[in-house]
Amino acid sequence: AQVADGAARLLRGWGLLVVPMLLWIA
């Protein structure tokens, strides 16, 4: 649950668009 909460905080807002995209590029 803590991991899921932390991931949700990272991806909230524009993070859901930006973070996975940057991972794919990396």
mmCIF file of all heavy atoms, coordinates in Angstrom:
data_MODEL
# 
_entry.id   MODEL 
# 
loop_
_atom_site.group_PDB 
_atom_site.id 
_atom_site.type_symbol 
_atom_site.label_atom_id 
_atom_site.label_alt_id 
_atom_site.label_comp_id 
_atom_site.label_asym_id 
_atom_site.label_entity_id 
_atom_site.label_seq_id 
_atom_site.pdbx_PDB_ins_code 
_atom_site.Cartn_x 
_atom_site.Cartn_y 
_atom_site.Cartn_z 
_atom_site.occupancy 
_atom_site.B_iso_or_equiv 
_atom_site.pdbx_formal_charge 
_atom_site.auth_seq_id 
_atom_site.auth_comp_id 
_atom_site.auth_asym_id 
_atom_site.auth_atom_id 
_atom_site.pdbx_PDB_model_num 
ATOM 1   N N   . ALA A 1 1  ? 0.824  -1.204 0.000   1.00 0.00 ? 1  ALA A N   1 
ATOM 2   C CA  . ALA A 1 1  ? 0.000  0.000  0.000   1.00 0.00 ? 1  ALA A CA  1 
ATOM 3   C C   . ALA A 1 1  ? 0.859  1.254  0.000   1.00 0.00 ? 1  ALA A C   1 
ATOM 4   O O   . ALA A 1 1  ? 0.541  2.236  -0.690  1.00 0.00 ? 1  ALA A O   1 
ATOM 5   C CB  . ALA A 1 1  ? -0.934 -0.005 1.211   1.00 0.00 ? 1  ALA A CB  1 
ATOM 6   N N   . GLN A 1 2  ? 1.961  1.221  0.752   1.00 0.00 ? 2  GLN A N   1 
ATOM 7   C CA  . GLN A 1 2  ? 2.859  2.376  0.782   1.00 0.00 ? 2  GLN A CA  1 
ATOM 8   C C   . GLN A 1 2  ? 3.505  2.608  -0.575  1.00 0.00 ? 2  GLN A C   1 
ATOM 9   O O   . GLN A 1 2  ? 3.630  3.753  -1.032  1.00 0.00 ? 2  GLN A O   1 
ATOM 10  C CB  . GLN A 1 2  ? 3.926  2.172  1.855   1.00 0.00 ? 2  GLN A CB  1 
ATOM 11  C CG  . GLN A 1 2  ? 3.390  2.215  3.274   1.00 0.00 ? 2  GLN A CG  1 
ATOM 12  C CD  . GLN A 1 2  ? 4.451  1.836  4.305   1.00 0.00 ? 2  GLN A CD  1 
ATOM 13  O OE1 . GLN A 1 2  ? 5.556  1.426  3.959   1.00 0.00 ? 2  GLN A OE1 1 
ATOM 14  N NE2 . GLN A 1 2  ? 4.104  1.970  5.575   1.00 0.00 ? 2  GLN A NE2 1 
ATOM 15  N N   . VAL A 1 3  ? 3.902  1.518  -1.242  1.00 0.00 ? 3  VAL A N   1 
ATOM 16  C CA  . VAL A 1 3  ? 4.492  1.646  -2.577  1.00 0.00 ? 3  VAL A CA  1 
ATOM 17  C C   . VAL A 1 3  ? 3.472  2.218  -3.554  1.00 0.00 ? 3  VAL A C   1 
ATOM 18  O O   . VAL A 1 3  ? 3.778  3.112  -4.355  1.00 0.00 ? 3  VAL A O   1 
ATOM 19  C CB  . VAL A 1 3  ? 5.008  0.278  -3.067  1.00 0.00 ? 3  VAL A CB  1 
ATOM 20  C CG1 . VAL A 1 3  ? 5.412  0.355  -4.537  1.00 0.00 ? 3  VAL A CG1 1 
ATOM 21  C CG2 . VAL A 1 3  ? 6.193  -0.173 -2.209  1.00 0.00 ? 3  VAL A CG2 1 
ATOM 22  N N   . ALA A 1 4  ? 2.248  1.704  -3.496  1.00 0.00 ? 4  ALA A N   1 
ATOM 23  C CA  . ALA A 1 4  ? 1.203  2.196  -4.400  1.00 0.00 ? 4  ALA A CA  1 
ATOM 24  C C   . ALA A 1 4  ? 0.898  3.664  -4.130  1.00 0.00 ? 4  ALA A C   1 
ATOM 25  O O   . ALA A 1 4  ? 0.698  4.448  -5.069  1.00 0.00 ? 4  ALA A O   1 
ATOM 26  C CB  . ALA A 1 4  ? -0.058 1.353  -4.252  1.00 0.00 ? 4  ALA A CB  1 
ATOM 27  N N   . ASP A 1 5  ? 0.864  4.052  -2.865  1.00 0.00 ? 5  ASP A N   1 
ATOM 28  C CA  . ASP A 1 5  ? 0.623  5.457  -2.528  1.00 0.00 ? 5  ASP A CA  1 
ATOM 29  C C   . ASP A 1 5  ? 1.747  6.345  -3.049  1.00 0.00 ? 5  ASP A C   1 
ATOM 30  O O   . ASP A 1 5  ? 1.504  7.429  -3.587  1.00 0.00 ? 5  ASP A O   1 
ATOM 31  C CB  . ASP A 1 5  ? 0.489  5.619  -1.013  1.00 0.00 ? 5  ASP A CB  1 
ATOM 32  C CG  . ASP A 1 5  ? -0.807 5.039  -0.472  1.00 0.00 ? 5  ASP A CG  1 
ATOM 33  O OD1 . ASP A 1 5  ? -1.760 4.887  -1.265  1.00 0.00 ? 5  ASP A OD1 1 
ATOM 34  O OD2 . ASP A 1 5  ? -0.857 4.723  0.737   1.00 0.00 ? 5  ASP A OD2 1 
ATOM 35  N N   . GLY A 1 6  ? 3.000  5.874  -2.876  1.00 0.00 ? 6  GLY A N   1 
ATOM 36  C CA  . GLY A 1 6  ? 4.139  6.651  -3.358  1.00 0.00 ? 6  GLY A CA  1 
ATOM 37  C C   . GLY A 1 6  ? 4.114  6.789  -4.879  1.00 0.00 ? 6  GLY A C   1 
ATOM 38  O O   . GLY A 1 6  ? 4.386  7.870  -5.419  1.00 0.00 ? 6  GLY A O   1 
ATOM 39  N N   . ALA A 1 7  ? 3.782  5.708  -5.585  1.00 0.00 ? 7  ALA A N   1 
ATOM 40  C CA  . ALA A 1 7  ? 3.688  5.771  -7.046  1.00 0.00 ? 7  ALA A CA  1 
ATOM 41  C C   . ALA A 1 7  ? 2.571  6.706  -7.479  1.00 0.00 ? 7  ALA A C   1 
ATOM 42  O O   . ALA A 1 7  ? 2.716  7.456  -8.448  1.00 0.00 ? 7  ALA A O   1 
ATOM 43  C CB  . ALA A 1 7  ? 3.465  4.370  -7.607  1.00 0.00 ? 7  ALA A CB  1 
ATOM 44  N N   . ALA A 1 8  ? 1.453  6.665  -6.766  1.00 0.00 ? 8  ALA A N   1 
ATOM 45  C CA  . ALA A 1 8  ? 0.334  7.554  -7.106  1.00 0.00 ? 8  ALA A CA  1 
ATOM 46  C C   . ALA A 1 8  ? 0.720  9.009  -6.914  1.00 0.00 ? 8  ALA A C   1 
ATOM 47  O O   . ALA A 1 8  ? 0.340  9.872  -7.716  1.00 0.00 ? 8  ALA A O   1 
ATOM 48  C CB  . ALA A 1 8  ? -0.886 7.200  -6.260  1.00 0.00 ? 8  ALA A CB  1 
ATOM 49  N N   . ARG A 1 9  ? 1.493  9.309  -5.864  1.00 0.00 ? 9  ARG A N   1 
ATOM 50  C CA  . ARG A 1 9  ? 1.954  10.690 -5.657  1.00 0.00 ? 9  ARG A CA  1 
ATOM 51  C C   . ARG A 1 9  ? 2.887  11.120 -6.784  1.00 0.00 ? 9  ARG A C   1 
ATOM 52  O O   . ARG A 1 9  ? 2.827  12.262 -7.251  1.00 0.00 ? 9  ARG A O   1 
ATOM 53  C CB  . ARG A 1 9  ? 2.653  10.819 -4.309  1.00 0.00 ? 9  ARG A CB  1 
ATOM 54  C CG  . ARG A 1 9  ? 1.705  10.788 -3.112  1.00 0.00 ? 9  ARG A CG  1 
ATOM 55  C CD  . ARG A 1 9  ? 2.420  11.234 -1.842  1.00 0.00 ? 9  ARG A CD  1 
ATOM 56  N NE  . ARG A 1 9  ? 3.469  10.283 -1.473  1.00 0.00 ? 9  ARG A NE  1 
ATOM 57  C CZ  . ARG A 1 9  ? 3.277  9.224  -0.687  1.00 0.00 ? 9  ARG A CZ  1 
ATOM 58  N NH1 . ARG A 1 9  ? 2.067  8.981  -0.197  1.00 0.00 ? 9  ARG A NH1 1 
ATOM 59  N NH2 . ARG A 1 9  ? 4.284  8.430  -0.382  1.00 0.00 ? 9  ARG A NH2 1 
ATOM 60  N N   . LEU A 1 10 ? 3.761  10.199 -7.221  1.00 0.00 ? 10 LEU A N   1 
ATOM 61  C CA  . LEU A 1 10 ? 4.687  10.523 -8.301  1.00 0.00 ? 10 LEU A CA  1 
ATOM 62  C C   . LEU A 1 10 ? 3.951  10.777 -9.612  1.00 0.00 ? 10 LEU A C   1 
ATOM 63  O O   . LEU A 1 10 ? 4.350  11.638 -10.408 1.00 0.00 ? 10 LEU A O   1 
ATOM 64  C CB  . LEU A 1 10 ? 5.686  9.377  -8.472  1.00 0.00 ? 10 LEU A CB  1 
ATOM 65  C CG  . LEU A 1 10 ? 6.703  9.503  -9.617  1.00 0.00 ? 10 LEU A CG  1 
ATOM 66  C CD1 . LEU A 1 10 ? 7.653  10.675 -9.366  1.00 0.00 ? 10 LEU A CD1 1 
ATOM 67  C CD2 . LEU A 1 10 ? 7.483  8.211  -9.794  1.00 0.00 ? 10 LEU A CD2 1 
ATOM 68  N N   . LEU A 1 11 ? 2.874  10.047 -9.844  1.00 0.00 ? 11 LEU A N   1 
ATOM 69  C CA  . LEU A 1 11 ? 2.184  10.107 -11.122 1.00 0.00 ? 11 LEU A CA  1 
ATOM 70  C C   . LEU A 1 11 ? 1.022  11.092 -11.153 1.00 0.00 ? 11 LEU A C   1 
ATOM 71  O O   . LEU A 1 11 ? 0.417  11.288 -12.214 1.00 0.00 ? 11 LEU A O   1 
ATOM 72  C CB  . LEU A 1 11 ? 1.656  8.710  -11.487 1.00 0.00 ? 11 LEU A CB  1 
ATOM 73  C CG  . LEU A 1 11 ? 2.718  7.638  -11.700 1.00 0.00 ? 11 LEU A CG  1 
ATOM 74  C CD1 . LEU A 1 11 ? 2.064  6.266  -11.870 1.00 0.00 ? 11 LEU A CD1 1 
ATOM 75  C CD2 . LEU A 1 11 ? 3.594  7.955  -12.903 1.00 0.00 ? 11 LEU A CD2 1 
ATOM 76  N N   . ARG A 1 12 ? 0.689  11.683 -10.015 1.00 0.00 ? 12 ARG A N   1 
ATOM 77  C CA  . ARG A 1 12 ? -0.450 12.602 -10.010 1.00 0.00 ? 12 ARG A CA  1 
ATOM 78  C C   . ARG A 1 12 ? -0.115 13.847 -10.846 1.00 0.00 ? 12 ARG A C   1 
ATOM 79  O O   . ARG A 1 12 ? 1.044  14.128 -11.134 1.00 0.00 ? 12 ARG A O   1 
ATOM 80  C CB  . ARG A 1 12 ? -0.796 13.005 -8.577  1.00 0.00 ? 12 ARG A CB  1 
ATOM 81  C CG  . ARG A 1 12 ? 0.255  13.834 -7.895  1.00 0.00 ? 12 ARG A CG  1 
ATOM 82  C CD  . ARG A 1 12 ? -0.091 14.073 -6.430  1.00 0.00 ? 12 ARG A CD  1 
ATOM 83  N NE  . ARG A 1 12 ? 0.954  14.840 -5.768  1.00 0.00 ? 12 ARG A NE  1 
ATOM 84  C CZ  . ARG A 1 12 ? 0.957  15.099 -4.466  1.00 0.00 ? 12 ARG A CZ  1 
ATOM 85  N NH1 . ARG A 1 12 ? -0.031 14.646 -3.700  1.00 0.00 ? 12 ARG A NH1 1 
ATOM 86  N NH2 . ARG A 1 12 ? 1.942  15.805 -3.931  1.00 0.00 ? 12 ARG A NH2 1 
ATOM 87  N N   . GLY A 1 13 ? -1.145 14.577 -11.198 1.00 0.00 ? 13 GLY A N   1 
ATOM 88  C CA  . GLY A 1 13 ? -0.933 15.754 -12.031 1.00 0.00 ? 13 GLY A CA  1 
ATOM 89  C C   . GLY A 1 13 ? -0.436 15.350 -13.412 1.00 0.00 ? 13 GLY A C   1 
ATOM 90  O O   . GLY A 1 13 ? -1.001 14.473 -14.063 1.00 0.00 ? 13 GLY A O   1 
ATOM 91  N N   . TRP A 1 14 ? 0.663  15.970 -13.831 1.00 0.00 ? 14 TRP A N   1 
ATOM 92  C CA  . TRP A 1 14 ? 1.237  15.683 -15.142 1.00 0.00 ? 14 TRP A CA  1 
ATOM 93  C C   . TRP A 1 14 ? 2.207  14.506 -15.097 1.00 0.00 ? 14 TRP A C   1 
ATOM 94  O O   . TRP A 1 14 ? 2.726  14.096 -16.139 1.00 0.00 ? 14 TRP A O   1 
ATOM 95  C CB  . TRP A 1 14 ? 1.940  16.925 -15.690 1.00 0.00 ? 14 TRP A CB  1 
ATOM 96  C CG  . TRP A 1 14 ? 0.976  18.020 -15.992 1.00 0.00 ? 14 TRP A CG  1 
ATOM 97  C CD1 . TRP A 1 14 ? 0.611  19.041 -15.162 1.00 0.00 ? 14 TRP A CD1 1 
ATOM 98  C CD2 . TRP A 1 14 ? 0.224  18.190 -17.187 1.00 0.00 ? 14 TRP A CD2 1 
ATOM 99  N NE1 . TRP A 1 14 ? -0.319 19.842 -15.770 1.00 0.00 ? 14 TRP A NE1 1 
ATOM 100 C CE2 . TRP A 1 14 ? -0.571 19.348 -17.018 1.00 0.00 ? 14 TRP A CE2 1 
ATOM 101 C CE3 . TRP A 1 14 ? 0.151  17.488 -18.386 1.00 0.00 ? 14 TRP A CE3 1 
ATOM 102 C CZ2 . TRP A 1 14 ? -1.429 19.802 -18.010 1.00 0.00 ? 14 TRP A CZ2 1 
ATOM 103 C CZ3 . TRP A 1 14 ? -0.705 17.945 -19.376 1.00 0.00 ? 14 TRP A CZ3 1 
ATOM 104 C CH2 . TRP A 1 14 ? -1.478 19.094 -19.186 1.00 0.00 ? 14 TRP A CH2 1 
ATOM 105 N N   . GLY A 1 15 ? 2.432  13.968 -13.915 1.00 0.00 ? 15 GLY A N   1 
ATOM 106 C CA  . GLY A 1 15 ? 3.381  12.865 -13.795 1.00 0.00 ? 15 GLY A CA  1 
ATOM 107 C C   . GLY A 1 15 ? 2.973  11.642 -14.581 1.00 0.00 ? 15 GLY A C   1 
ATOM 108 O O   . GLY A 1 15 ? 3.822  10.912 -15.101 1.00 0.00 ? 15 GLY A O   1 
ATOM 109 N N   . LEU A 1 16 ? 1.675  11.389 -14.688 1.00 0.00 ? 16 LEU A N   1 
ATOM 110 C CA  . LEU A 1 16 ? 1.205  10.211 -15.413 1.00 0.00 ? 16 LEU A CA  1 
ATOM 111 C C   . LEU A 1 16 ? 1.541  10.311 -16.901 1.00 0.00 ? 16 LEU A C   1 
ATOM 112 O O   . LEU A 1 16 ? 1.734  9.290  -17.571 1.00 0.00 ? 16 LEU A O   1 
ATOM 113 C CB  . LEU A 1 16 ? -0.305 10.049 -15.225 1.00 0.00 ? 16 LEU A CB  1 
ATOM 114 C CG  . LEU A 1 16 ? -0.908 8.741  -15.737 1.00 0.00 ? 16 LEU A CG  1 
ATOM 115 C CD1 . LEU A 1 16 ? -0.330 7.543  -14.992 1.00 0.00 ? 16 LEU A CD1 1 
ATOM 116 C CD2 . LEU A 1 16 ? -2.418 8.753  -15.618 1.00 0.00 ? 16 LEU A CD2 1 
ATOM 117 N N   . LEU A 1 17 ? 1.617  11.518 -17.418 1.00 0.00 ? 17 LEU A N   1 
ATOM 118 C CA  . LEU A 1 17 ? 2.006  11.698 -18.804 1.00 0.00 ? 17 LEU A CA  1 
ATOM 119 C C   . LEU A 1 17 ? 3.524  11.698 -18.965 1.00 0.00 ? 17 LEU A C   1 
ATOM 120 O O   . LEU A 1 17 ? 4.057  11.083 -19.902 1.00 0.00 ? 17 LEU A O   1 
ATOM 121 C CB  . LEU A 1 17 ? 1.439  13.015 -19.348 1.00 0.00 ? 17 LEU A CB  1 
ATOM 122 C CG  . LEU A 1 17 ? 1.854  13.418 -20.772 1.00 0.00 ? 17 LEU A CG  1 
ATOM 123 C CD1 . LEU A 1 17 ? 1.358  12.381 -21.782 1.00 0.00 ? 17 LEU A CD1 1 
ATOM 124 C CD2 . LEU A 1 17 ? 1.315  14.804 -21.118 1.00 0.00 ? 17 LEU A CD2 1 
ATOM 125 N N   . VAL A 1 18 ? 4.234  12.312 -18.029 1.00 0.00 ? 18 VAL A N   1 
ATOM 126 C CA  . VAL A 1 18 ? 5.663  12.562 -18.212 1.00 0.00 ? 18 VAL A CA  1 
ATOM 127 C C   . VAL A 1 18 ? 6.532  11.392 -17.764 1.00 0.00 ? 18 VAL A C   1 
ATOM 128 O O   . VAL A 1 18 ? 7.445  10.970 -18.481 1.00 0.00 ? 18 VAL A O   1 
ATOM 129 C CB  . VAL A 1 18 ? 6.073  13.852 -17.467 1.00 0.00 ? 18 VAL A CB  1 
ATOM 130 C CG1 . VAL A 1 18 ? 7.589  14.056 -17.531 1.00 0.00 ? 18 VAL A CG1 1 
ATOM 131 C CG2 . VAL A 1 18 ? 5.349  15.048 -18.053 1.00 0.00 ? 18 VAL A CG2 1 
ATOM 132 N N   . VAL A 1 19 ? 6.267  10.838 -16.577 1.00 0.00 ? 19 VAL A N   1 
ATOM 133 C CA  . VAL A 1 19 ? 7.176  9.851  -15.997 1.00 0.00 ? 19 VAL A CA  1 
ATOM 134 C C   . VAL A 1 19 ? 7.283  8.576  -16.840 1.00 0.00 ? 19 VAL A C   1 
ATOM 135 O O   . VAL A 1 19 ? 8.391  8.145  -17.182 1.00 0.00 ? 19 VAL A O   1 
ATOM 136 C CB  . VAL A 1 19 ? 6.773  9.530  -14.540 1.00 0.00 ? 19 VAL A CB  1 
ATOM 137 C CG1 . VAL A 1 19 ? 7.615  8.380  -13.985 1.00 0.00 ? 19 VAL A CG1 1 
ATOM 138 C CG2 . VAL A 1 19 ? 6.938  10.774 -13.662 1.00 0.00 ? 19 VAL A CG2 1 
ATOM 139 N N   . PRO A 1 20 ? 6.175  7.919  -17.205 1.00 0.00 ? 20 PRO A N   1 
ATOM 140 C CA  . PRO A 1 20 ? 6.321  6.724  -18.049 1.00 0.00 ? 20 PRO A CA  1 
ATOM 141 C C   . PRO A 1 20 ? 6.956  7.032  -19.407 1.00 0.00 ? 20 PRO A C   1 
ATOM 142 O O   . PRO A 1 20 ? 7.716  6.217  -19.932 1.00 0.00 ? 20 PRO A O   1 
ATOM 143 C CB  . PRO A 1 20 ? 4.878  6.233  -18.212 1.00 0.00 ? 20 PRO A CB  1 
ATOM 144 C CG  . PRO A 1 20 ? 4.155  6.782  -17.029 1.00 0.00 ? 20 PRO A CG  1 
ATOM 145 C CD  . PRO A 1 20 ? 4.768  8.128  -16.806 1.00 0.00 ? 20 PRO A CD  1 
ATOM 146 N N   . MET A 1 21 ? 6.669  8.195  -19.948 1.00 0.00 ? 21 MET A N   1 
ATOM 147 C CA  . MET A 1 21 ? 7.276  8.577  -21.214 1.00 0.00 ? 21 MET A CA  1 
ATOM 148 C C   . MET A 1 21 ? 8.795  8.670  -21.081 1.00 0.00 ? 21 MET A C   1 
ATOM 149 O O   . MET A 1 21 ? 9.544  8.183  -21.945 1.00 0.00 ? 21 MET A O   1 
ATOM 150 C CB  . MET A 1 21 ? 6.697  9.919  -21.677 1.00 0.00 ? 21 MET A CB  1 
ATOM 151 C CG  . MET A 1 21 ? 7.127  10.355 -23.068 1.00 0.00 ? 21 MET A CG  1 
ATOM 152 S SD  . MET A 1 21 ? 6.465  11.995 -23.449 1.00 0.00 ? 21 MET A SD  1 
ATOM 153 C CE  . MET A 1 21 ? 4.705  11.668 -23.463 1.00 0.00 ? 21 MET A CE  1 
ATOM 154 N N   . LEU A 1 22 ? 9.266  9.280  -19.999 1.00 0.00 ? 22 LEU A N   1 
ATOM 155 C CA  . LEU A 1 22 ? 10.709 9.374  -19.753 1.00 0.00 ? 22 LEU A CA  1 
ATOM 156 C C   . LEU A 1 22 ? 11.316 7.992  -19.519 1.00 0.00 ? 22 LEU A C   1 
ATOM 157 O O   . LEU A 1 22 ? 12.453 7.728  -19.942 1.00 0.00 ? 22 LEU A O   1 
ATOM 158 C CB  . LEU A 1 22 ? 10.982 10.289 -18.560 1.00 0.00 ? 22 LEU A CB  1 
ATOM 159 C CG  . LEU A 1 22 ? 10.653 11.769 -18.760 1.00 0.00 ? 22 LEU A CG  1 
ATOM 160 C CD1 . LEU A 1 22 ? 10.917 12.544 -17.479 1.00 0.00 ? 22 LEU A CD1 1 
ATOM 161 C CD2 . LEU A 1 22 ? 11.471 12.353 -19.914 1.00 0.00 ? 22 LEU A CD2 1 
ATOM 162 N N   . LEU A 1 23 ? 10.586 7.114  -18.851 1.00 0.00 ? 23 LEU A N   1 
ATOM 163 C CA  . LEU A 1 23 ? 11.086 5.753  -18.669 1.00 0.00 ? 23 LEU A CA  1 
ATOM 164 C C   . LEU A 1 23 ? 11.245 5.045  -20.012 1.00 0.00 ? 23 LEU A C   1 
ATOM 165 O O   . LEU A 1 23 ? 12.247 4.354  -20.251 1.00 0.00 ? 23 LEU A O   1 
ATOM 166 C CB  . LEU A 1 23 ? 10.143 4.964  -17.755 1.00 0.00 ? 23 LEU A CB  1 
ATOM 167 C CG  . LEU A 1 23 ? 10.149 5.334  -16.280 1.00 0.00 ? 23 LEU A CG  1 
ATOM 168 C CD1 . LEU A 1 23 ? 9.060  4.568  -15.536 1.00 0.00 ? 23 LEU A CD1 1 
ATOM 169 C CD2 . LEU A 1 23 ? 11.506 5.034  -15.655 1.00 0.00 ? 23 LEU A CD2 1 
ATOM 170 N N   . TRP A 1 24 ? 10.262 5.193  -20.876 1.00 0.00 ? 24 TRP A N   1 
ATOM 171 C CA  . TRP A 1 24 ? 10.360 4.586  -22.215 1.00 0.00 ? 24 TRP A CA  1 
ATOM 172 C C   . TRP A 1 24 ? 11.565 5.140  -22.977 1.00 0.00 ? 24 TRP A C   1 
ATOM 173 O O   . TRP A 1 24 ? 12.290 4.387  -23.637 1.00 0.00 ? 24 TRP A O   1 
ATOM 174 C CB  . TRP A 1 24 ? 9.083  4.848  -22.998 1.00 0.00 ? 24 TRP A CB  1 
ATOM 175 C CG  . TRP A 1 24 ? 8.012  3.831  -22.751 1.00 0.00 ? 24 TRP A CG  1 
ATOM 176 C CD1 . TRP A 1 24 ? 8.024  2.842  -21.826 1.00 0.00 ? 24 TRP A CD1 1 
ATOM 177 C CD2 . TRP A 1 24 ? 6.783  3.713  -23.461 1.00 0.00 ? 24 TRP A CD2 1 
ATOM 178 N NE1 . TRP A 1 24 ? 6.867  2.103  -21.905 1.00 0.00 ? 24 TRP A NE1 1 
ATOM 179 C CE2 . TRP A 1 24 ? 6.093  2.611  -22.898 1.00 0.00 ? 24 TRP A CE2 1 
ATOM 180 C CE3 . TRP A 1 24 ? 6.196  4.415  -24.498 1.00 0.00 ? 24 TRP A CE3 1 
ATOM 181 C CZ2 . TRP A 1 24 ? 4.833  2.199  -23.360 1.00 0.00 ? 24 TRP A CZ2 1 
ATOM 182 C CZ3 . TRP A 1 24 ? 4.945  4.018  -24.961 1.00 0.00 ? 24 TRP A CZ3 1 
ATOM 183 C CH2 . TRP A 1 24 ? 4.281  2.921  -24.393 1.00 0.00 ? 24 TRP A CH2 1 
ATOM 184 N N   . ILE A 1 25 ? 11.777 6.435  -22.903 1.00 0.00 ? 25 ILE A N   1 
ATOM 185 C CA  . ILE A 1 25 ? 12.919 7.042  -23.590 1.00 0.00 ? 25 ILE A CA  1 
ATOM 186 C C   . ILE A 1 25 ? 14.226 6.514  -23.012 1.00 0.00 ? 25 ILE A C   1 
ATOM 187 O O   . ILE A 1 25 ? 15.170 6.189  -23.743 1.00 0.00 ? 25 ILE A O   1 
ATOM 188 C CB  . ILE A 1 25 ? 12.840 8.574  -23.502 1.00 0.00 ? 25 ILE A CB  1 
ATOM 189 C CG1 . ILE A 1 25 ? 11.669 9.094  -24.343 1.00 0.00 ? 25 ILE A CG1 1 
ATOM 190 C CG2 . ILE A 1 25 ? 14.145 9.219  -23.945 1.00 0.00 ? 25 ILE A CG2 1 
ATOM 191 C CD1 . ILE A 1 25 ? 11.404 10.579 -24.180 1.00 0.00 ? 25 ILE A CD1 1 
ATOM 192 N N   . ALA A 1 26 ? 14.298 6.407  -21.673 1.00 0.00 ? 26 ALA A N   1 
ATOM 193 C CA  . ALA A 1 26 ? 15.511 5.907  -21.025 1.00 0.00 ? 26 ALA A CA  1 
ATOM 194 C C   . ALA A 1 26 ? 15.800 4.466  -21.436 1.00 0.00 ? 26 ALA A C   1 
ATOM 195 O O   . ALA A 1 26 ? 16.961 4.092  -21.654 1.00 0.00 ? 26 ALA A O   1 
ATOM 196 C CB  . ALA A 1 26 ? 15.374 6.012  -19.505 1.00 0.00 ? 26 ALA A CB  1 
# 
